[in-house]
Amino acid sequence: DSRPGTSQPPPTVSPSPSPSGTDLWETVDALWAW
């Protein structure tokens, strides 16, 4: 049971690249401009 409040640890998630290979803030800038 992976619901909040249970004793199971959250799964390990590997970071994935942001869209089109840009970093977080480049994506934020692109969303802001759009």
PDB file of all heavy atoms in Angstrom:
ATOM      1  N   ASP A   1       0.853  -1.187   0.000  1.00  0.00           N
ATOM      2  CA  ASP A   1       0.000   0.000   0.000  1.00  0.00           C
ATOM      3  C   ASP A   1       0.886   1.233   0.000  1.00  0.00           C
ATOM      4  O   ASP A   1       1.567   1.492   0.981  1.00  0.00           O
ATOM      5  CB  ASP A   1      -0.895  -0.023   1.236  1.00  0.00           C
ATOM      6  CG  ASP A   1      -1.970   1.037   1.199  1.00  0.00           C
ATOM      7  OD1 ASP A   1      -1.909   1.901   0.309  1.00  0.00           O
ATOM      8  OD2 ASP A   1      -2.853   0.998   2.058  1.00  0.00           O
ATOM      9  N   SER A   2       0.903   1.991  -1.090  1.00  0.00           N
ATOM     10  CA  SER A   2       1.783   3.155  -1.185  1.00  0.00           C
ATOM     11  C   SER A   2       1.037   4.462  -0.964  1.00  0.00           C
ATOM     12  O   SER A   2       1.519   5.524  -1.306  1.00  0.00           O
ATOM     13  CB  SER A   2       2.475   3.182  -2.547  1.00  0.00           C
ATOM     14  OG  SER A   2       1.513   3.287  -3.573  1.00  0.00           O
ATOM     15  N   ARG A   3      -0.170   4.390  -0.357  1.00  0.00           N
ATOM     16  CA  ARG A   3      -0.919   5.609  -0.080  1.00  0.00           C
ATOM     17  C   ARG A   3      -0.256   6.388   1.043  1.00  0.00           C
ATOM     18  O   ARG A   3       0.354   5.797   1.937  1.00  0.00           O
ATOM     19  CB  ARG A   3      -2.356   5.280   0.308  1.00  0.00           C
ATOM     20  CG  ARG A   3      -3.163   4.758  -0.845  1.00  0.00           C
ATOM     21  CD  ARG A   3      -4.546   4.404  -0.417  1.00  0.00           C
ATOM     22  NE  ARG A   3      -4.448   3.292   0.523  1.00  0.00           N
ATOM     23  CZ  ARG A   3      -5.249   3.138   1.577  1.00  0.00           C
ATOM     24  NH1 ARG A   3      -6.204   3.978   1.823  1.00  0.00           N
ATOM     25  NH2 ARG A   3      -5.109   2.114   2.388  1.00  0.00           N
ATOM     26  N   PRO A   4      -0.424   7.725   1.053  1.00  0.00           N
ATOM     27  CA  PRO A   4       0.109   8.516   2.156  1.00  0.00           C
ATOM     28  C   PRO A   4      -0.442   8.024   3.487  1.00  0.00           C
ATOM     29  O   PRO A   4      -1.579   7.591   3.575  1.00  0.00           O
ATOM     30  CB  PRO A   4      -0.374   9.934   1.843  1.00  0.00           C
ATOM     31  CG  PRO A   4      -0.516   9.945   0.354  1.00  0.00           C
ATOM     32  CD  PRO A   4      -1.004   8.553   0.009  1.00  0.00           C
ATOM     33  N   GLY A   5       0.385   8.055   4.522  1.00  0.00           N
ATOM     34  CA  GLY A   5      -0.032   7.630   5.835  1.00  0.00           C
ATOM     35  C   GLY A   5       0.210   6.150   6.095  1.00  0.00           C
ATOM     36  O   GLY A   5      -0.059   5.656   7.167  1.00  0.00           O
ATOM     37  N   THR A   6       0.718   5.439   5.107  1.00  0.00           N
ATOM     38  CA  THR A   6       1.038   4.031   5.299  1.00  0.00           C
ATOM     39  C   THR A   6       2.515   3.902   5.589  1.00  0.00           C
ATOM     40  O   THR A   6       3.285   4.838   5.412  1.00  0.00           O
ATOM     41  CB  THR A   6       0.665   3.192   4.061  1.00  0.00           C
ATOM     42  OG1 THR A   6       1.469   3.610   2.967  1.00  0.00           O
ATOM     43  CG2 THR A   6      -0.796   3.323   3.718  1.00  0.00           C
ATOM     44  N   SER A   7       2.931   2.730   6.025  1.00  0.00           N
ATOM     45  CA  SER A   7       4.326   2.549   6.409  1.00  0.00           C
ATOM     46  C   SER A   7       5.243   2.198   5.244  1.00  0.00           C
ATOM     47  O   SER A   7       6.433   2.048   5.430  1.00  0.00           O
ATOM     48  CB  SER A   7       4.418   1.469   7.498  1.00  0.00           C
ATOM     49  OG  SER A   7       3.915   0.258   6.978  1.00  0.00           O
ATOM     50  N   GLN A   8       4.704   2.056   4.062  1.00  0.00           N
ATOM     51  CA  GLN A   8       5.530   1.699   2.907  1.00  0.00           C
ATOM     52  C   GLN A   8       6.342   2.909   2.444  1.00  0.00           C
ATOM     53  O   GLN A   8       5.801   3.999   2.306  1.00  0.00           O
ATOM     54  CB  GLN A   8       4.655   1.216   1.755  1.00  0.00           C
ATOM     55  CG  GLN A   8       3.915  -0.067   2.067  1.00  0.00           C
ATOM     56  CD  GLN A   8       4.867  -1.233   2.223  1.00  0.00           C
ATOM     57  OE1 GLN A   8       5.877  -1.315   1.543  1.00  0.00           O
ATOM     58  NE2 GLN A   8       4.545  -2.126   3.140  1.00  0.00           N
ATOM     59  N   PRO A   9       7.645   2.735   2.197  1.00  0.00           N
ATOM     60  CA  PRO A   9       8.442   3.848   1.698  1.00  0.00           C
ATOM     61  C   PRO A   9       8.036   4.180   0.259  1.00  0.00           C
ATOM     62  O   PRO A   9       7.568   3.311  -0.478  1.00  0.00           O
ATOM     63  CB  PRO A   9       9.880   3.332   1.750  1.00  0.00           C
ATOM     64  CG  PRO A   9       9.730   1.849   1.672  1.00  0.00           C
ATOM     65  CD  PRO A   9       8.419   1.513   2.335  1.00  0.00           C
ATOM     66  N   PRO A  10       8.202   5.456  -0.134  1.00  0.00           N
ATOM     67  CA  PRO A  10       7.878   5.816  -1.510  1.00  0.00           C
ATOM     68  C   PRO A  10       8.846   5.149  -2.470  1.00  0.00           C
ATOM     69  O   PRO A  10       9.989   4.863  -2.115  1.00  0.00           O
ATOM     70  CB  PRO A  10       8.044   7.343  -1.543  1.00  0.00           C
ATOM     71  CG  PRO A  10       8.934   7.657  -0.397  1.00  0.00           C
ATOM     72  CD  PRO A  10       8.726   6.572   0.627  1.00  0.00           C
ATOM     73  N   PRO A  11       8.398   4.855  -3.695  1.00  0.00           N
ATOM     74  CA  PRO A  11       9.297   4.232  -4.664  1.00  0.00           C
ATOM     75  C   PRO A  11      10.418   5.183  -5.046  1.00  0.00           C
ATOM     76  O   PRO A  11      10.261   6.400  -5.010  1.00  0.00           O
ATOM     77  CB  PRO A  11       8.389   3.944  -5.861  1.00  0.00           C
ATOM     78  CG  PRO A  11       7.242   4.875  -5.716  1.00  0.00           C
ATOM     79  CD  PRO A  11       7.087   5.130  -4.243  1.00  0.00           C
ATOM     80  N   THR A  12      11.558   4.641  -5.413  1.00  0.00           N
ATOM     81  CA  THR A  12      12.672   5.438  -5.893  1.00  0.00           C
ATOM     82  C   THR A  12      12.376   5.840  -7.339  1.00  0.00           C
ATOM     83  O   THR A  12      12.017   5.007  -8.158  1.00  0.00           O
ATOM     84  CB  THR A  12      13.979   4.639  -5.834  1.00  0.00           C
ATOM     85  OG1 THR A  12      14.163   4.190  -4.497  1.00  0.00           O
ATOM     86  CG2 THR A  12      15.159   5.472  -6.273  1.00  0.00           C
ATOM     87  N   VAL A  13      12.524   7.125  -7.602  1.00  0.00           N
ATOM     88  CA  VAL A  13      12.250   7.630  -8.940  1.00  0.00           C
ATOM     89  C   VAL A  13      13.521   8.269  -9.478  1.00  0.00           C
ATOM     90  O   VAL A  13      14.127   9.101  -8.816  1.00  0.00           O
ATOM     91  CB  VAL A  13      11.109   8.670  -8.912  1.00  0.00           C
ATOM     92  CG1 VAL A  13      10.864   9.241 -10.287  1.00  0.00           C
ATOM     93  CG2 VAL A  13       9.842   8.062  -8.345  1.00  0.00           C
ATOM     94  N   SER A  14      13.905   7.878 -10.660  1.00  0.00           N
ATOM     95  CA  SER A  14      15.074   8.481 -11.295  1.00  0.00           C
ATOM     96  C   SER A  14      14.664   9.787 -11.946  1.00  0.00           C
ATOM     97  O   SER A  14      13.619   9.856 -12.576  1.00  0.00           O
ATOM     98  CB  SER A  14      15.640   7.555 -12.366  1.00  0.00           C
ATOM     99  OG  SER A  14      16.026   6.350 -11.792  1.00  0.00           O
ATOM    100  N   PRO A  15      15.474  10.846 -11.798  1.00  0.00           N
ATOM    101  CA  PRO A  15      15.135  12.093 -12.454  1.00  0.00           C
ATOM    102  C   PRO A  15      15.156  11.923 -13.968  1.00  0.00           C
ATOM    103  O   PRO A  15      15.961  11.179 -14.508  1.00  0.00           O
ATOM    104  CB  PRO A  15      16.223  13.066 -11.985  1.00  0.00           C
ATOM    105  CG  PRO A  15      17.327  12.217 -11.483  1.00  0.00           C
ATOM    106  CD  PRO A  15      16.740  10.890 -11.098  1.00  0.00           C
ATOM    107  N   SER A  16      14.246  12.600 -14.615  1.00  0.00           N
ATOM    108  CA  SER A  16      14.232  12.541 -16.074  1.00  0.00           C
ATOM    109  C   SER A  16      14.493  13.937 -16.619  1.00  0.00           C
ATOM    110  O   SER A  16      14.222  14.926 -15.950  1.00  0.00           O
ATOM    111  CB  SER A  16      12.881  12.024 -16.577  1.00  0.00           C
ATOM    112  OG  SER A  16      11.851  12.850 -16.121  1.00  0.00           O
ATOM    113  N   PRO A  17      15.053  14.024 -17.806  1.00  0.00           N
ATOM    114  CA  PRO A  17      15.330  15.338 -18.366  1.00  0.00           C
ATOM    115  C   PRO A  17      14.040  16.096 -18.617  1.00  0.00           C
ATOM    116  O   PRO A  17      12.992  15.506 -18.856  1.00  0.00           O
ATOM    117  CB  PRO A  17      16.050  15.031 -19.685  1.00  0.00           C
ATOM    118  CG  PRO A  17      15.709  13.608 -19.990  1.00  0.00           C
ATOM    119  CD  PRO A  17      15.395  12.946 -18.695  1.00  0.00           C
ATOM    120  N   SER A  18      14.116  17.412 -18.548  1.00  0.00           N
ATOM    121  CA  SER A  18      12.938  18.217 -18.826  1.00  0.00           C
ATOM    122  C   SER A  18      12.686  18.224 -20.336  1.00  0.00           C
ATOM    123  O   SER A  18      13.520  17.772 -21.109  1.00  0.00           O
ATOM    124  CB  SER A  18      13.117  19.629 -18.271  1.00  0.00           C
ATOM    125  OG  SER A  18      14.275  20.224 -18.778  1.00  0.00           O
ATOM    126  N   PRO A  19      11.533  18.721 -20.752  1.00  0.00           N
ATOM    127  CA  PRO A  19      11.189  18.681 -22.183  1.00  0.00           C
ATOM    128  C   PRO A  19      12.286  19.261 -23.069  1.00  0.00           C
ATOM    129  O   PRO A  19      12.906  20.247 -22.733  1.00  0.00           O
ATOM    130  CB  PRO A  19       9.921  19.530 -22.265  1.00  0.00           C
ATOM    131  CG  PRO A  19       9.361  19.531 -20.886  1.00  0.00           C
ATOM    132  CD  PRO A  19      10.526  19.392 -19.955  1.00  0.00           C
ATOM    133  N   SER A  20      12.484  18.651 -24.173  1.00  0.00           N
ATOM    134  CA  SER A  20      13.421  19.054 -25.222  1.00  0.00           C
ATOM    135  C   SER A  20      14.846  19.282 -24.724  1.00  0.00           C
ATOM    136  O   SER A  20      15.576  20.084 -25.274  1.00  0.00           O
ATOM    137  CB  SER A  20      12.901  20.295 -25.973  1.00  0.00           C
ATOM    138  OG  SER A  20      12.883  21.430 -25.123  1.00  0.00           O
ATOM    139  N   GLY A  21      15.225  18.580 -23.634  1.00  0.00           N
ATOM    140  CA  GLY A  21      16.597  18.653 -23.167  1.00  0.00           C
ATOM    141  C   GLY A  21      16.966  19.942 -22.454  1.00  0.00           C
ATOM    142  O   GLY A  21      18.130  20.164 -22.172  1.00  0.00           O
ATOM    143  N   THR A  22      16.005  20.804 -22.165  1.00  0.00           N
ATOM    144  CA  THR A  22      16.310  22.051 -21.465  1.00  0.00           C
ATOM    145  C   THR A  22      16.215  21.836 -19.969  1.00  0.00           C
ATOM    146  O   THR A  22      15.637  20.871 -19.497  1.00  0.00           O
ATOM    147  CB  THR A  22      15.314  23.158 -21.878  1.00  0.00           C
ATOM    148  OG1 THR A  22      13.995  22.729 -21.547  1.00  0.00           O
ATOM    149  CG2 THR A  22      15.408  23.466 -23.352  1.00  0.00           C
ATOM    150  N   ASP A  23      16.765  22.765 -19.223  1.00  0.00           N
ATOM    151  CA  ASP A  23      16.668  22.634 -17.778  1.00  0.00           C
ATOM    152  C   ASP A  23      15.342  23.220 -17.282  1.00  0.00           C
ATOM    153  O   ASP A  23      14.571  23.809 -18.054  1.00  0.00           O
ATOM    154  CB  ASP A  23      17.880  23.247 -17.083  1.00  0.00           C
ATOM    155  CG  ASP A  23      17.848  24.759 -16.974  1.00  0.00           C
ATOM    156  OD1 ASP A  23      16.928  25.416 -17.480  1.00  0.00           O
ATOM    157  OD2 ASP A  23      18.764  25.305 -16.344  1.00  0.00           O
ATOM    158  N   LEU A  24      15.074  23.049 -16.018  1.00  0.00           N
ATOM    159  CA  LEU A  24      13.827  23.497 -15.407  1.00  0.00           C
ATOM    160  C   LEU A  24      13.549  24.962 -15.709  1.00  0.00           C
ATOM    161  O   LEU A  24      12.451  25.325 -16.148  1.00  0.00           O
ATOM    162  CB  LEU A  24      13.891  23.269 -13.893  1.00  0.00           C
ATOM    163  CG  LEU A  24      12.766  23.908 -13.074  1.00  0.00           C
ATOM    164  CD1 LEU A  24      11.461  23.170 -13.322  1.00  0.00           C
ATOM    165  CD2 LEU A  24      13.125  23.913 -11.605  1.00  0.00           C
ATOM    166  N   TRP A  25      14.533  25.816 -15.491  1.00  0.00           N
ATOM    167  CA  TRP A  25      14.294  27.257 -15.622  1.00  0.00           C
ATOM    168  C   TRP A  25      14.145  27.674 -17.080  1.00  0.00           C
ATOM    169  O   TRP A  25      13.420  28.620 -17.370  1.00  0.00           O
ATOM    170  CB  TRP A  25      15.373  28.044 -14.883  1.00  0.00           C
ATOM    171  CG  TRP A  25      15.158  27.879 -13.413  1.00  0.00           C
ATOM    172  CD1 TRP A  25      15.868  27.075 -12.565  1.00  0.00           C
ATOM    173  CD2 TRP A  25      14.110  28.452 -12.632  1.00  0.00           C
ATOM    174  NE1 TRP A  25      15.335  27.140 -11.314  1.00  0.00           N
ATOM    175  CE2 TRP A  25      14.263  27.979 -11.312  1.00  0.00           C
ATOM    176  CE3 TRP A  25      13.073  29.330 -12.914  1.00  0.00           C
ATOM    177  CZ2 TRP A  25      13.413  28.360 -10.275  1.00  0.00           C
ATOM    178  CZ3 TRP A  25      12.215  29.711 -11.884  1.00  0.00           C
ATOM    179  CH2 TRP A  25      12.384  29.229 -10.580  1.00  0.00           C
ATOM    180  N   GLU A  26      14.797  26.987 -17.995  1.00  0.00           N
ATOM    181  CA  GLU A  26      14.565  27.273 -19.417  1.00  0.00           C
ATOM    182  C   GLU A  26      13.130  26.917 -19.786  1.00  0.00           C
ATOM    183  O   GLU A  26      12.480  27.628 -20.544  1.00  0.00           O
ATOM    184  CB  GLU A  26      15.554  26.496 -20.288  1.00  0.00           C
ATOM    185  CG  GLU A  26      16.968  27.023 -20.200  1.00  0.00           C
ATOM    186  CD  GLU A  26      17.964  26.153 -20.938  1.00  0.00           C
ATOM    187  OE1 GLU A  26      17.560  25.154 -21.566  1.00  0.00           O
ATOM    188  OE2 GLU A  26      19.164  26.469 -20.882  1.00  0.00           O
ATOM    189  N   THR A  27      12.622  25.824 -19.231  1.00  0.00           N
ATOM    190  CA  THR A  27      11.239  25.438 -19.476  1.00  0.00           C
ATOM    191  C   THR A  27      10.279  26.451 -18.866  1.00  0.00           C
ATOM    192  O   THR A  27       9.289  26.841 -19.495  1.00  0.00           O
ATOM    193  CB  THR A  27      10.964  24.024 -18.916  1.00  0.00           C
ATOM    194  OG1 THR A  27      11.889  23.106 -19.516  1.00  0.00           O
ATOM    195  CG2 THR A  27       9.538  23.583 -19.206  1.00  0.00           C
ATOM    196  N   VAL A  28      10.577  26.895 -17.646  1.00  0.00           N
ATOM    197  CA  VAL A  28       9.750  27.924 -17.006  1.00  0.00           C
ATOM    198  C   VAL A  28       9.738  29.193 -17.853  1.00  0.00           C
ATOM    199  O   VAL A  28       8.679  29.786 -18.089  1.00  0.00           O
ATOM    200  CB  VAL A  28      10.227  28.215 -15.566  1.00  0.00           C
ATOM    201  CG1 VAL A  28       9.560  29.460 -14.993  1.00  0.00           C
ATOM    202  CG2 VAL A  28       9.965  27.003 -14.665  1.00  0.00           C
ATOM    203  N   ASP A  29      10.906  29.617 -18.331  1.00  0.00           N
ATOM    204  CA  ASP A  29      10.973  30.802 -19.197  1.00  0.00           C
ATOM    205  C   ASP A  29      10.139  30.617 -20.463  1.00  0.00           C
ATOM    206  O   ASP A  29       9.440  31.532 -20.894  1.00  0.00           O
ATOM    207  CB  ASP A  29      12.423  31.113 -19.587  1.00  0.00           C
ATOM    208  CG  ASP A  29      13.207  31.780 -18.475  1.00  0.00           C
ATOM    209  OD1 ASP A  29      12.592  32.318 -17.536  1.00  0.00           O
ATOM    210  OD2 ASP A  29      14.457  31.759 -18.550  1.00  0.00           O
ATOM    211  N   ALA A  30      10.210  29.432 -21.054  1.00  0.00           N
ATOM    212  CA  ALA A  30       9.445  29.165 -22.281  1.00  0.00           C
ATOM    213  C   ALA A  30       7.941  29.188 -21.994  1.00  0.00           C
ATOM    214  O   ALA A  30       7.162  29.753 -22.782  1.00  0.00           O
ATOM    215  CB  ALA A  30       9.855  27.818 -22.879  1.00  0.00           C
ATOM    216  N   LEU A  31       7.522  28.604 -20.882  1.00  0.00           N
ATOM    217  CA  LEU A  31       6.100  28.640 -20.518  1.00  0.00           C
ATOM    218  C   LEU A  31       5.640  30.064 -20.255  1.00  0.00           C
ATOM    219  O   LEU A  31       4.549  30.469 -20.671  1.00  0.00           O
ATOM    220  CB  LEU A  31       5.844  27.759 -19.290  1.00  0.00           C
ATOM    221  CG  LEU A  31       5.935  26.268 -19.523  1.00  0.00           C
ATOM    222  CD1 LEU A  31       5.954  25.517 -18.188  1.00  0.00           C
ATOM    223  CD2 LEU A  31       4.796  25.788 -20.410  1.00  0.00           C
ATOM    224  N   TRP A  32       6.466  30.829 -19.555  1.00  0.00           N
ATOM    225  CA  TRP A  32       6.147  32.229 -19.279  1.00  0.00           C
ATOM    226  C   TRP A  32       5.980  33.009 -20.587  1.00  0.00           C
ATOM    227  O   TRP A  32       5.004  33.753 -20.759  1.00  0.00           O
ATOM    228  CB  TRP A  32       7.232  32.862 -18.408  1.00  0.00           C
ATOM    229  CG  TRP A  32       7.106  34.342 -18.330  1.00  0.00           C
ATOM    230  CD1 TRP A  32       6.252  35.052 -17.528  1.00  0.00           C
ATOM    231  CD2 TRP A  32       7.833  35.303 -19.092  1.00  0.00           C
ATOM    232  NE1 TRP A  32       6.405  36.394 -17.757  1.00  0.00           N
ATOM    233  CE2 TRP A  32       7.373  36.570 -18.709  1.00  0.00           C
ATOM    234  CE3 TRP A  32       8.826  35.201 -20.061  1.00  0.00           C
ATOM    235  CZ2 TRP A  32       7.883  37.739 -19.256  1.00  0.00           C
ATOM    236  CZ3 TRP A  32       9.323  36.359 -20.603  1.00  0.00           C
ATOM    237  CH2 TRP A  32       8.859  37.613 -20.206  1.00  0.00           C
ATOM    238  N   ALA A  33       6.904  32.838 -21.520  1.00  0.00           N
ATOM    239  CA  ALA A  33       6.836  33.550 -22.806  1.00  0.00           C
ATOM    240  C   ALA A  33       5.594  33.134 -23.587  1.00  0.00           C
ATOM    241  O   ALA A  33       4.917  33.982 -24.190  1.00  0.00           O
ATOM    242  CB  ALA A  33       8.101  33.275 -23.626  1.00  0.00           C
ATOM    243  N   TRP A  34       5.277  31.847 -23.582  1.00  0.00           N
ATOM    244  CA  TRP A  34       4.097  31.346 -24.276  1.00  0.00           C
ATOM    245  C   TRP A  34       2.824  31.943 -23.684  1.00  0.00           C
ATOM    246  O   TRP A  34       1.951  32.403 -24.414  1.00  0.00           O
ATOM    247  CB  TRP A  34       4.086  29.820 -24.197  1.00  0.00           C
ATOM    248  CG  TRP A  34       2.835  29.191 -24.703  1.00  0.00           C
ATOM    249  CD1 TRP A  34       2.436  29.081 -26.008  1.00  0.00           C
ATOM    250  CD2 TRP A  34       1.817  28.571 -23.927  1.00  0.00           C
ATOM    251  NE1 TRP A  34       1.229  28.424 -26.086  1.00  0.00           N
ATOM    252  CE2 TRP A  34       0.829  28.106 -24.809  1.00  0.00           C
ATOM    253  CE3 TRP A  34       1.655  28.354 -22.549  1.00  0.00           C
ATOM    254  CZ2 TRP A  34      -0.311  27.440 -24.369  1.00  0.00           C
ATOM    255  CZ3 TRP A  34       0.530  27.687 -22.130  1.00  0.00           C
ATOM    256  CH2 TRP A  34      -0.439  27.242 -23.034  1.00  0.00           C
TER     257      TRP A  34
END
